[in-house]
Amino acid sequence: MSSKAKRSENPGKDEEPVKINKWDGIAVKHALDDSVKAALMNRTNMKEHHAIVDGRLLICALAVSTALVAHIYDYQYSFPASKPVLIVCVCVYFFMMGVLTIYTTYVEKGIFAVGNQKDEKGNHKRWQASSDMKKYDDKYELTIQLRDSRGVREATVVKSVANFIDVNGTVLDDLVANELNRVVNSLNADKKDK
């Protein structure tokens, strides 16, 4: 979360509304993502699923471990002797950064929240929320995907950020939650053959 927009870590307590610089597109997108995630995770029987973030953390940990191996080896055996190990470590590090780029582009695809839900009938549902906001544009594109026994369905909403942020830069969490509930209800009601 951006340092410009802080949200309380204890849901249910009296939270201060999130205030952001409404002209900072990145801060606006992150604040709206946080609001959508909070609304999605507050749904009945919803548990956050961390596998996508864990994958990114694993790739980063491998890259940092490679850099750490290079540093320790170079400390033990000064430069001329450590040259082959440093070359291998640098190549592995850049390879891992390429893997990370591919992972964030093709696996994460802007997904910022994944939740597993078990409904009253015992059916399992997986919800994914992803977003996009172009630079210098006021349109916030939110995509919600549902995977359940009936298949995969998704809905996309494109609205101006002015629908969710007031003139003072305060994120209106109730309006975000209402829009999310509308999309979630429409996906729950969808038939598989649509």
N, C-alpha and C. Protein backbone atom coordinates (compact mmCIF):
# COMPACT_ATOMS: atom_id res chain seq x y z
N MET A 1 0.85 -1.16 0.00
CA MET A 1 0.00 0.00 0.00
C MET A 1 0.89 1.22 0.00
N SER A 2 0.49 2.25 -0.68
CA SER A 2 1.25 3.48 -0.78
C SER A 2 1.35 4.15 0.58
N SER A 3 2.48 4.84 0.80
CA SER A 3 2.63 5.55 2.07
C SER A 3 1.71 6.75 2.13
N LYS A 4 1.19 7.17 0.97
CA LYS A 4 0.28 8.31 0.94
C LYS A 4 -1.12 7.91 1.37
N ALA A 5 -1.43 6.63 1.31
CA ALA A 5 -2.77 6.17 1.67
C ALA A 5 -2.64 5.03 2.67
N LYS A 6 -2.97 5.27 3.90
CA LYS A 6 -2.84 4.26 4.95
C LYS A 6 -4.22 3.79 5.36
N ARG A 7 -4.37 2.48 5.50
CA ARG A 7 -5.62 1.87 5.92
C ARG A 7 -5.34 1.09 7.20
N SER A 8 -6.28 1.09 8.10
CA SER A 8 -6.11 0.38 9.36
C SER A 8 -5.97 -1.11 9.10
N GLU A 9 -5.10 -1.76 9.86
CA GLU A 9 -4.89 -3.19 9.72
C GLU A 9 -5.94 -4.00 10.47
N ASN A 10 -6.76 -3.37 11.31
CA ASN A 10 -7.77 -4.07 12.10
C ASN A 10 -9.16 -3.73 11.57
N PRO A 11 -9.70 -4.55 10.66
CA PRO A 11 -11.03 -4.27 10.15
C PRO A 11 -12.05 -4.41 11.26
N GLY A 12 -13.10 -3.62 11.15
CA GLY A 12 -14.16 -3.68 12.14
C GLY A 12 -14.04 -2.55 13.15
N LYS A 13 -12.82 -2.05 13.35
CA LYS A 13 -12.65 -0.91 14.25
C LYS A 13 -12.98 0.34 13.46
N ASP A 14 -13.15 1.44 14.17
CA ASP A 14 -13.41 2.71 13.49
C ASP A 14 -12.20 3.08 12.65
N GLU A 15 -12.36 3.00 11.34
CA GLU A 15 -11.27 3.29 10.44
C GLU A 15 -11.40 4.71 9.92
N GLU A 16 -10.26 5.36 9.79
CA GLU A 16 -10.27 6.66 9.15
C GLU A 16 -10.41 6.44 7.66
N PRO A 17 -11.15 7.32 6.99
CA PRO A 17 -11.24 7.17 5.54
C PRO A 17 -9.87 7.40 4.89
N VAL A 18 -9.61 6.67 3.82
CA VAL A 18 -8.33 6.78 3.13
C VAL A 18 -8.33 8.05 2.30
N LYS A 19 -7.31 8.90 2.51
CA LYS A 19 -7.16 10.13 1.73
C LYS A 19 -5.91 10.00 0.88
N ILE A 20 -6.05 10.38 -0.38
CA ILE A 20 -4.93 10.29 -1.31
C ILE A 20 -4.85 11.57 -2.12
N ASN A 21 -3.74 11.72 -2.82
CA ASN A 21 -3.62 12.80 -3.79
C ASN A 21 -4.37 12.33 -5.03
N LYS A 22 -5.52 12.93 -5.29
CA LYS A 22 -6.38 12.45 -6.38
C LYS A 22 -5.78 12.66 -7.76
N TRP A 23 -4.67 13.40 -7.84
CA TRP A 23 -4.01 13.62 -9.13
C TRP A 23 -2.88 12.62 -9.37
N ASP A 24 -2.59 11.79 -8.40
CA ASP A 24 -1.56 10.76 -8.52
C ASP A 24 -2.23 9.45 -8.94
N GLY A 25 -2.16 9.14 -10.23
CA GLY A 25 -2.87 7.97 -10.77
C GLY A 25 -2.49 6.66 -10.11
N ILE A 26 -1.21 6.48 -9.79
CA ILE A 26 -0.76 5.23 -9.16
C ILE A 26 -1.35 5.10 -7.77
N ALA A 27 -1.33 6.20 -7.00
CA ALA A 27 -1.90 6.18 -5.65
C ALA A 27 -3.40 5.92 -5.70
N VAL A 28 -4.07 6.51 -6.68
CA VAL A 28 -5.52 6.30 -6.84
C VAL A 28 -5.82 4.84 -7.13
N LYS A 29 -5.07 4.25 -8.08
CA LYS A 29 -5.29 2.85 -8.43
C LYS A 29 -5.06 1.93 -7.24
N HIS A 30 -3.96 2.16 -6.53
CA HIS A 30 -3.66 1.31 -5.36
C HIS A 30 -4.69 1.47 -4.25
N ALA A 31 -5.16 2.69 -4.04
CA ALA A 31 -6.18 2.91 -3.00
C ALA A 31 -7.48 2.23 -3.37
N LEU A 32 -7.88 2.30 -4.64
CA LEU A 32 -9.10 1.63 -5.08
C LEU A 32 -8.92 0.11 -5.02
N ASP A 33 -7.74 -0.39 -5.40
CA ASP A 33 -7.46 -1.83 -5.29
C ASP A 33 -7.60 -2.29 -3.84
N ASP A 34 -7.05 -1.50 -2.91
CA ASP A 34 -7.13 -1.86 -1.49
C ASP A 34 -8.58 -1.88 -1.01
N SER A 35 -9.37 -0.93 -1.48
CA SER A 35 -10.77 -0.85 -1.09
C SER A 35 -11.56 -2.05 -1.64
N VAL A 36 -11.30 -2.40 -2.90
CA VAL A 36 -11.97 -3.57 -3.50
C VAL A 36 -11.57 -4.84 -2.76
N LYS A 37 -10.27 -4.98 -2.46
CA LYS A 37 -9.80 -6.17 -1.75
C LYS A 37 -10.45 -6.28 -0.38
N ALA A 38 -10.53 -5.17 0.34
CA ALA A 38 -11.16 -5.18 1.67
C ALA A 38 -12.62 -5.59 1.56
N ALA A 39 -13.34 -5.06 0.56
CA ALA A 39 -14.75 -5.40 0.39
C ALA A 39 -14.92 -6.86 -0.01
N LEU A 40 -14.02 -7.36 -0.86
CA LEU A 40 -14.12 -8.76 -1.30
C LEU A 40 -13.82 -9.71 -0.15
N MET A 41 -12.80 -9.42 0.63
CA MET A 41 -12.42 -10.31 1.73
C MET A 41 -13.38 -10.24 2.91
N ASN A 42 -14.22 -9.21 2.97
CA ASN A 42 -15.21 -9.10 4.05
C ASN A 42 -16.50 -9.86 3.74
N ARG A 43 -16.55 -10.52 2.60
CA ARG A 43 -17.74 -11.30 2.26
C ARG A 43 -17.80 -12.55 3.12
N THR A 44 -18.97 -13.13 3.25
CA THR A 44 -19.19 -14.31 4.10
C THR A 44 -18.33 -15.49 3.66
N ASN A 45 -17.67 -16.13 4.60
CA ASN A 45 -16.85 -17.33 4.40
C ASN A 45 -15.73 -17.15 3.39
N MET A 46 -15.20 -15.93 3.26
CA MET A 46 -14.13 -15.66 2.30
C MET A 46 -12.78 -15.74 3.02
N LYS A 47 -11.87 -16.50 2.42
CA LYS A 47 -10.50 -16.60 2.94
C LYS A 47 -9.54 -16.23 1.82
N GLU A 48 -8.58 -15.39 2.15
CA GLU A 48 -7.63 -14.95 1.14
C GLU A 48 -6.71 -16.10 0.73
N HIS A 49 -6.45 -16.18 -0.57
CA HIS A 49 -5.58 -17.20 -1.15
C HIS A 49 -4.29 -16.49 -1.61
N HIS A 50 -3.14 -16.93 -1.11
CA HIS A 50 -1.90 -16.20 -1.31
C HIS A 50 -0.97 -16.81 -2.36
N ALA A 51 -1.39 -17.79 -3.11
CA ALA A 51 -0.49 -18.52 -4.00
C ALA A 51 0.18 -17.63 -5.05
N ILE A 52 -0.55 -16.68 -5.61
CA ILE A 52 0.04 -15.83 -6.66
C ILE A 52 1.14 -14.96 -6.09
N VAL A 53 0.90 -14.36 -4.95
CA VAL A 53 1.91 -13.53 -4.30
C VAL A 53 3.07 -14.39 -3.83
N ASP A 54 2.77 -15.59 -3.32
CA ASP A 54 3.83 -16.49 -2.87
C ASP A 54 4.75 -16.88 -4.02
N GLY A 55 4.21 -17.06 -5.22
CA GLY A 55 5.03 -17.37 -6.38
C GLY A 55 6.01 -16.26 -6.70
N ARG A 56 5.51 -15.02 -6.64
CA ARG A 56 6.39 -13.86 -6.88
C ARG A 56 7.47 -13.78 -5.80
N LEU A 57 7.09 -14.01 -4.56
CA LEU A 57 8.06 -13.95 -3.46
C LEU A 57 9.12 -15.05 -3.60
N LEU A 58 8.72 -16.23 -4.06
CA LEU A 58 9.68 -17.31 -4.26
C LEU A 58 10.71 -16.95 -5.33
N ILE A 59 10.25 -16.39 -6.44
CA ILE A 59 11.17 -15.99 -7.51
C ILE A 59 12.12 -14.92 -7.00
N CYS A 60 11.60 -13.95 -6.27
CA CYS A 60 12.46 -12.88 -5.72
C CYS A 60 13.44 -13.44 -4.70
N ALA A 61 13.00 -14.38 -3.87
CA ALA A 61 13.89 -14.98 -2.87
C ALA A 61 15.03 -15.74 -3.55
N LEU A 62 14.73 -16.44 -4.65
CA LEU A 62 15.79 -17.16 -5.37
C LEU A 62 16.80 -16.19 -5.97
N ALA A 63 16.31 -15.07 -6.49
CA ALA A 63 17.22 -14.07 -7.07
C ALA A 63 18.09 -13.44 -5.99
N VAL A 64 17.50 -13.10 -4.86
CA VAL A 64 18.27 -12.52 -3.77
C VAL A 64 19.26 -13.54 -3.20
N SER A 65 18.85 -14.79 -3.12
CA SER A 65 19.76 -15.84 -2.64
C SER A 65 20.98 -15.97 -3.56
N THR A 66 20.76 -15.85 -4.85
CA THR A 66 21.86 -15.91 -5.80
C THR A 66 22.82 -14.75 -5.56
N ALA A 67 22.27 -13.56 -5.35
CA ALA A 67 23.12 -12.40 -5.08
C ALA A 67 23.87 -12.58 -3.77
N LEU A 68 23.22 -13.18 -2.78
CA LEU A 68 23.85 -13.42 -1.49
C LEU A 68 25.00 -14.44 -1.62
N VAL A 69 24.79 -15.47 -2.41
CA VAL A 69 25.85 -16.46 -2.65
C VAL A 69 27.05 -15.78 -3.30
N ALA A 70 26.79 -14.91 -4.28
CA ALA A 70 27.89 -14.20 -4.94
C ALA A 70 28.64 -13.32 -3.95
N HIS A 71 27.90 -12.64 -3.09
CA HIS A 71 28.53 -11.75 -2.11
C HIS A 71 29.39 -12.55 -1.11
N ILE A 72 28.84 -13.63 -0.58
CA ILE A 72 29.57 -14.43 0.41
C ILE A 72 30.80 -15.09 -0.22
N TYR A 73 30.65 -15.62 -1.44
CA TYR A 73 31.78 -16.27 -2.10
C TYR A 73 32.89 -15.27 -2.39
N ASP A 74 32.49 -14.06 -2.83
CA ASP A 74 33.47 -13.02 -3.11
C ASP A 74 34.16 -12.56 -1.82
N TYR A 75 33.44 -12.60 -0.71
CA TYR A 75 34.05 -12.23 0.57
C TYR A 75 35.08 -13.28 1.00
N GLN A 76 34.75 -14.56 0.78
CA GLN A 76 35.65 -15.64 1.18
C GLN A 76 36.88 -15.72 0.27
N TYR A 77 36.67 -15.59 -1.03
CA TYR A 77 37.75 -15.70 -2.01
C TYR A 77 37.73 -14.43 -2.84
N SER A 78 38.72 -13.58 -2.67
CA SER A 78 38.71 -12.27 -3.32
C SER A 78 38.64 -12.39 -4.84
N PHE A 79 38.44 -11.27 -5.51
CA PHE A 79 37.98 -11.20 -6.89
C PHE A 79 38.63 -12.13 -7.91
N PRO A 80 39.86 -12.15 -8.10
CA PRO A 80 40.29 -13.00 -9.22
C PRO A 80 39.86 -14.46 -9.05
N ALA A 81 39.86 -14.94 -7.82
CA ALA A 81 39.48 -16.34 -7.59
C ALA A 81 37.97 -16.55 -7.68
N SER A 82 37.19 -15.51 -7.41
CA SER A 82 35.72 -15.66 -7.39
C SER A 82 35.06 -15.32 -8.73
N LYS A 83 35.86 -14.98 -9.72
CA LYS A 83 35.32 -14.53 -11.01
C LYS A 83 34.34 -15.53 -11.64
N PRO A 84 34.63 -16.82 -11.74
CA PRO A 84 33.68 -17.76 -12.36
C PRO A 84 32.35 -17.84 -11.60
N VAL A 85 32.42 -17.85 -10.27
CA VAL A 85 31.19 -17.92 -9.47
C VAL A 85 30.37 -16.64 -9.64
N LEU A 86 31.04 -15.49 -9.66
CA LEU A 86 30.33 -14.22 -9.86
C LEU A 86 29.64 -14.17 -11.22
N ILE A 87 30.30 -14.66 -12.24
CA ILE A 87 29.70 -14.66 -13.58
C ILE A 87 28.44 -15.53 -13.59
N VAL A 88 28.52 -16.72 -12.99
CA VAL A 88 27.36 -17.61 -12.93
C VAL A 88 26.23 -16.96 -12.13
N CYS A 89 26.56 -16.38 -10.98
CA CYS A 89 25.54 -15.75 -10.14
C CYS A 89 24.87 -14.57 -10.84
N VAL A 90 25.65 -13.76 -11.54
CA VAL A 90 25.06 -12.63 -12.26
C VAL A 90 24.13 -13.13 -13.36
N CYS A 91 24.55 -14.16 -14.08
CA CYS A 91 23.69 -14.72 -15.14
C CYS A 91 22.40 -15.31 -14.56
N VAL A 92 22.53 -16.03 -13.45
CA VAL A 92 21.34 -16.61 -12.81
C VAL A 92 20.42 -15.50 -12.31
N TYR A 93 20.99 -14.43 -11.74
CA TYR A 93 20.18 -13.32 -11.23
C TYR A 93 19.39 -12.67 -12.37
N PHE A 94 20.03 -12.38 -13.47
CA PHE A 94 19.32 -11.76 -14.59
C PHE A 94 18.29 -12.71 -15.19
N PHE A 95 18.59 -14.00 -15.21
CA PHE A 95 17.60 -14.98 -15.66
C PHE A 95 16.37 -14.94 -14.74
N MET A 96 16.60 -14.91 -13.43
CA MET A 96 15.48 -14.87 -12.48
C MET A 96 14.66 -13.59 -12.64
N MET A 97 15.31 -12.48 -12.95
CA MET A 97 14.56 -11.23 -13.19
C MET A 97 13.71 -11.35 -14.46
N GLY A 98 14.20 -12.06 -15.45
CA GLY A 98 13.39 -12.33 -16.64
C GLY A 98 12.19 -13.21 -16.32
N VAL A 99 12.42 -14.23 -15.49
CA VAL A 99 11.33 -15.10 -15.05
C VAL A 99 10.30 -14.28 -14.27
N LEU A 100 10.77 -13.38 -13.42
CA LEU A 100 9.86 -12.54 -12.65
C LEU A 100 9.02 -11.65 -13.57
N THR A 101 9.64 -11.09 -14.59
CA THR A 101 8.89 -10.25 -15.54
C THR A 101 7.83 -11.06 -16.26
N ILE A 102 8.18 -12.25 -16.71
CA ILE A 102 7.20 -13.12 -17.38
C ILE A 102 6.09 -13.50 -16.42
N TYR A 103 6.44 -13.82 -15.18
CA TYR A 103 5.45 -14.21 -14.17
C TYR A 103 4.46 -13.09 -13.90
N THR A 104 4.97 -11.87 -13.70
CA THR A 104 4.05 -10.77 -13.40
C THR A 104 3.21 -10.39 -14.62
N THR A 105 3.73 -10.59 -15.81
CA THR A 105 2.99 -10.24 -17.02
C THR A 105 1.94 -11.28 -17.39
N TYR A 106 2.29 -12.56 -17.30
CA TYR A 106 1.39 -13.60 -17.81
C TYR A 106 0.66 -14.41 -16.73
N VAL A 107 1.16 -14.40 -15.50
CA VAL A 107 0.48 -15.14 -14.44
C VAL A 107 -0.32 -14.19 -13.55
N GLU A 108 0.35 -13.16 -13.03
CA GLU A 108 -0.36 -12.22 -12.16
C GLU A 108 -1.38 -11.38 -12.94
N LYS A 109 -0.97 -10.85 -14.06
CA LYS A 109 -1.85 -10.07 -14.94
C LYS A 109 -2.67 -9.01 -14.19
N GLY A 110 -2.08 -8.33 -13.25
CA GLY A 110 -2.78 -7.28 -12.53
C GLY A 110 -3.68 -7.78 -11.42
N ILE A 111 -3.61 -9.07 -11.10
CA ILE A 111 -4.45 -9.63 -10.03
C ILE A 111 -3.92 -9.14 -8.69
N PHE A 112 -4.80 -8.54 -7.89
CA PHE A 112 -4.38 -8.04 -6.59
C PHE A 112 -5.10 -8.72 -5.44
N ALA A 113 -6.10 -9.53 -5.72
CA ALA A 113 -6.81 -10.23 -4.65
C ALA A 113 -7.36 -11.55 -5.18
N VAL A 114 -7.16 -12.61 -4.39
CA VAL A 114 -7.72 -13.92 -4.70
C VAL A 114 -8.31 -14.44 -3.39
N GLY A 115 -9.55 -14.89 -3.47
CA GLY A 115 -10.20 -15.40 -2.27
C GLY A 115 -10.95 -16.69 -2.55
N ASN A 116 -10.93 -17.59 -1.58
CA ASN A 116 -11.71 -18.83 -1.65
C ASN A 116 -12.93 -18.69 -0.76
N GLN A 117 -14.07 -19.10 -1.28
CA GLN A 117 -15.32 -18.98 -0.54
C GLN A 117 -16.06 -20.30 -0.59
N LYS A 118 -16.62 -20.67 0.55
CA LYS A 118 -17.46 -21.86 0.61
C LYS A 118 -18.86 -21.36 0.95
N ASP A 119 -19.82 -21.62 0.04
CA ASP A 119 -21.17 -21.12 0.28
C ASP A 119 -21.96 -22.05 1.19
N GLU A 120 -23.20 -21.67 1.47
CA GLU A 120 -24.02 -22.44 2.42
C GLU A 120 -24.33 -23.86 1.94
N LYS A 121 -24.23 -24.12 0.64
CA LYS A 121 -24.48 -25.46 0.10
C LYS A 121 -23.21 -26.31 0.07
N GLY A 122 -22.09 -25.73 0.49
CA GLY A 122 -20.82 -26.47 0.50
C GLY A 122 -20.04 -26.37 -0.79
N ASN A 123 -20.49 -25.55 -1.73
CA ASN A 123 -19.78 -25.37 -3.00
C ASN A 123 -18.59 -24.43 -2.79
N HIS A 124 -17.48 -24.75 -3.46
CA HIS A 124 -16.28 -23.93 -3.37
C HIS A 124 -16.24 -22.96 -4.54
N LYS A 125 -15.89 -21.70 -4.25
CA LYS A 125 -15.76 -20.68 -5.28
C LYS A 125 -14.43 -19.99 -5.10
N ARG A 126 -13.78 -19.66 -6.21
CA ARG A 126 -12.56 -18.87 -6.16
C ARG A 126 -12.81 -17.55 -6.89
N TRP A 127 -12.58 -16.46 -6.17
CA TRP A 127 -12.77 -15.11 -6.70
C TRP A 127 -11.41 -14.49 -6.96
N GLN A 128 -11.28 -13.81 -8.10
CA GLN A 128 -10.07 -13.07 -8.43
C GLN A 128 -10.46 -11.66 -8.81
N ALA A 129 -9.71 -10.70 -8.32
CA ALA A 129 -9.93 -9.30 -8.69
C ALA A 129 -8.65 -8.76 -9.32
N SER A 130 -8.79 -8.16 -10.49
CA SER A 130 -7.66 -7.51 -11.15
C SER A 130 -8.11 -6.15 -11.65
N SER A 131 -7.16 -5.27 -11.85
CA SER A 131 -7.53 -3.92 -12.28
C SER A 131 -6.50 -3.37 -13.24
N ASP A 132 -6.91 -2.31 -13.90
CA ASP A 132 -6.03 -1.61 -14.82
C ASP A 132 -6.45 -0.14 -14.85
N MET A 133 -5.48 0.73 -14.96
CA MET A 133 -5.76 2.15 -15.09
C MET A 133 -4.63 2.74 -15.91
N LYS A 134 -4.95 3.27 -17.05
CA LYS A 134 -3.95 3.82 -17.94
C LYS A 134 -3.40 5.13 -17.38
N LYS A 135 -2.17 5.43 -17.75
CA LYS A 135 -1.55 6.66 -17.31
C LYS A 135 -2.32 7.85 -17.88
N TYR A 136 -2.53 8.86 -17.07
CA TYR A 136 -3.24 10.09 -17.44
C TYR A 136 -4.69 9.83 -17.83
N ASP A 137 -5.29 8.78 -17.31
CA ASP A 137 -6.69 8.48 -17.60
C ASP A 137 -7.44 8.37 -16.28
N ASP A 138 -8.70 8.74 -16.29
CA ASP A 138 -9.50 8.67 -15.05
C ASP A 138 -10.34 7.40 -14.98
N LYS A 139 -10.20 6.53 -15.96
CA LYS A 139 -11.00 5.30 -15.99
C LYS A 139 -10.32 4.17 -15.23
N TYR A 140 -11.05 3.63 -14.25
CA TYR A 140 -10.58 2.50 -13.46
C TYR A 140 -11.30 1.27 -13.97
N GLU A 141 -10.53 0.28 -14.46
CA GLU A 141 -11.11 -0.95 -15.01
C GLU A 141 -10.92 -2.07 -14.00
N LEU A 142 -12.03 -2.58 -13.50
CA LEU A 142 -12.02 -3.65 -12.51
C LEU A 142 -12.60 -4.91 -13.14
N THR A 143 -11.87 -6.02 -13.04
CA THR A 143 -12.33 -7.30 -13.55
C THR A 143 -12.42 -8.28 -12.39
N ILE A 144 -13.60 -8.87 -12.23
CA ILE A 144 -13.83 -9.88 -11.20
C ILE A 144 -14.07 -11.20 -11.91
N GLN A 145 -13.33 -12.23 -11.50
CA GLN A 145 -13.48 -13.55 -12.10
C GLN A 145 -13.94 -14.54 -11.03
N LEU A 146 -14.87 -15.39 -11.42
CA LEU A 146 -15.39 -16.43 -10.52
C LEU A 146 -15.14 -17.79 -11.15
N ARG A 147 -14.51 -18.69 -10.37
CA ARG A 147 -14.32 -20.08 -10.78
C ARG A 147 -15.09 -20.94 -9.78
N ASP A 148 -16.01 -21.74 -10.30
CA ASP A 148 -16.76 -22.65 -9.45
C ASP A 148 -17.14 -23.89 -10.24
N SER A 149 -18.04 -24.69 -9.72
CA SER A 149 -18.41 -25.94 -10.39
C SER A 149 -19.10 -25.70 -11.73
N ARG A 150 -19.65 -24.52 -11.93
CA ARG A 150 -20.32 -24.20 -13.20
C ARG A 150 -19.36 -23.69 -14.26
N GLY A 151 -18.09 -23.47 -13.90
CA GLY A 151 -17.11 -23.00 -14.86
C GLY A 151 -16.48 -21.68 -14.43
N VAL A 152 -15.97 -20.95 -15.43
CA VAL A 152 -15.30 -19.68 -15.18
C VAL A 152 -16.13 -18.56 -15.82
N ARG A 153 -16.44 -17.57 -15.01
CA ARG A 153 -17.17 -16.41 -15.51
C ARG A 153 -16.45 -15.16 -15.02
N GLU A 154 -16.52 -14.10 -15.80
CA GLU A 154 -15.93 -12.85 -15.35
C GLU A 154 -16.74 -11.67 -15.84
N ALA A 155 -16.59 -10.59 -15.11
CA ALA A 155 -17.27 -9.34 -15.46
C ALA A 155 -16.28 -8.21 -15.29
N THR A 156 -16.37 -7.24 -16.19
CA THR A 156 -15.49 -6.08 -16.14
C THR A 156 -16.32 -4.82 -16.03
N VAL A 157 -15.90 -3.94 -15.16
CA VAL A 157 -16.55 -2.65 -14.96
C VAL A 157 -15.52 -1.57 -15.22
N VAL A 158 -15.87 -0.58 -16.05
CA VAL A 158 -14.99 0.55 -16.31
C VAL A 158 -15.75 1.80 -15.90
N LYS A 159 -15.22 2.48 -14.88
CA LYS A 159 -15.86 3.70 -14.39
C LYS A 159 -14.80 4.73 -14.08
N SER A 160 -15.21 5.97 -14.07
CA SER A 160 -14.32 7.06 -13.69
C SER A 160 -14.02 6.95 -12.21
N VAL A 161 -12.80 7.31 -11.83
CA VAL A 161 -12.44 7.28 -10.41
C VAL A 161 -13.25 8.29 -9.62
N ALA A 162 -13.84 9.25 -10.29
CA ALA A 162 -14.68 10.23 -9.61
C ALA A 162 -15.92 9.58 -9.00
N ASN A 163 -16.27 8.39 -9.45
CA ASN A 163 -17.39 7.66 -8.85
C ASN A 163 -17.05 7.11 -7.47
N PHE A 164 -15.75 7.01 -7.15
CA PHE A 164 -15.32 6.37 -5.90
C PHE A 164 -14.47 7.25 -5.00
N ILE A 165 -14.08 8.42 -5.49
CA ILE A 165 -13.23 9.33 -4.72
C ILE A 165 -13.87 10.72 -4.75
N ASP A 166 -13.98 11.35 -3.56
CA ASP A 166 -14.60 12.67 -3.52
C ASP A 166 -13.58 13.76 -3.87
N VAL A 167 -14.02 15.01 -3.86
CA VAL A 167 -13.18 16.14 -4.28
C VAL A 167 -11.99 16.36 -3.36
N ASN A 168 -12.06 15.85 -2.12
CA ASN A 168 -10.96 16.00 -1.18
C ASN A 168 -9.95 14.86 -1.28
N GLY A 169 -10.19 13.88 -2.14
CA GLY A 169 -9.29 12.75 -2.29
C GLY A 169 -9.58 11.61 -1.33
N THR A 170 -10.78 11.58 -0.76
CA THR A 170 -11.16 10.52 0.16
C THR A 170 -11.82 9.38 -0.62
N VAL A 171 -11.32 8.17 -0.41
CA VAL A 171 -11.89 6.99 -1.07
C VAL A 171 -13.21 6.67 -0.37
N LEU A 172 -14.27 6.54 -1.15
CA LEU A 172 -15.61 6.25 -0.63
C LEU A 172 -15.81 4.73 -0.66
N ASP A 173 -15.37 4.09 0.42
CA ASP A 173 -15.39 2.62 0.48
C ASP A 173 -16.79 2.04 0.29
N ASP A 174 -17.82 2.74 0.76
CA ASP A 174 -19.18 2.22 0.60
C ASP A 174 -19.58 2.12 -0.87
N LEU A 175 -19.19 3.12 -1.67
CA LEU A 175 -19.52 3.08 -3.09
C LEU A 175 -18.73 1.98 -3.81
N VAL A 176 -17.48 1.79 -3.40
CA VAL A 176 -16.68 0.71 -3.98
C VAL A 176 -17.31 -0.64 -3.63
N ALA A 177 -17.69 -0.81 -2.36
CA ALA A 177 -18.31 -2.08 -1.92
C ALA A 177 -19.63 -2.31 -2.64
N ASN A 178 -20.43 -1.27 -2.84
CA ASN A 178 -21.71 -1.42 -3.56
C ASN A 178 -21.48 -1.89 -4.99
N GLU A 179 -20.49 -1.30 -5.67
CA GLU A 179 -20.19 -1.70 -7.05
C GLU A 179 -19.68 -3.14 -7.09
N LEU A 180 -18.82 -3.49 -6.14
CA LEU A 180 -18.33 -4.86 -6.08
C LEU A 180 -19.47 -5.84 -5.82
N ASN A 181 -20.35 -5.52 -4.90
CA ASN A 181 -21.50 -6.40 -4.61
C ASN A 181 -22.38 -6.58 -5.83
N ARG A 182 -22.57 -5.51 -6.60
CA ARG A 182 -23.37 -5.61 -7.82
C ARG A 182 -22.74 -6.59 -8.80
N VAL A 183 -21.42 -6.50 -8.98
CA VAL A 183 -20.72 -7.39 -9.91
C VAL A 183 -20.74 -8.83 -9.39
N VAL A 184 -20.48 -9.01 -8.10
CA VAL A 184 -20.47 -10.35 -7.50
C VAL A 184 -21.84 -11.00 -7.62
N ASN A 185 -22.89 -10.25 -7.34
CA ASN A 185 -24.25 -10.79 -7.45
C ASN A 185 -24.58 -11.17 -8.89
N SER A 186 -24.12 -10.37 -9.86
CA SER A 186 -24.40 -10.71 -11.26
C SER A 186 -23.65 -11.98 -11.67
N LEU A 187 -22.42 -12.16 -11.16
CA LEU A 187 -21.67 -13.38 -11.48
C LEU A 187 -22.28 -14.60 -10.81
N ASN A 188 -22.76 -14.45 -9.59
CA ASN A 188 -23.41 -15.57 -8.90
C ASN A 188 -24.69 -15.99 -9.60
N ALA A 189 -25.37 -15.03 -10.26
CA ALA A 189 -26.63 -15.34 -10.92
C ALA A 189 -26.44 -15.84 -12.34
N ASP A 190 -25.24 -15.66 -12.93
CA ASP A 190 -24.98 -16.06 -14.32
C ASP A 190 -25.19 -17.56 -14.50
N LYS A 191 -25.67 -17.90 -15.70
CA LYS A 191 -25.78 -19.29 -16.10
C LYS A 191 -24.48 -19.69 -16.80
N LYS A 192 -24.15 -20.96 -16.80
CA LYS A 192 -22.92 -21.44 -17.42
C LYS A 192 -22.90 -21.21 -18.92
N ASP A 193 -24.05 -21.28 -19.58
CA ASP A 193 -24.08 -21.20 -21.04
C ASP A 193 -24.05 -19.78 -21.57
N LYS A 194 -23.93 -18.78 -20.70
CA LYS A 194 -23.88 -17.40 -21.19
C LYS A 194 -22.55 -17.08 -21.77
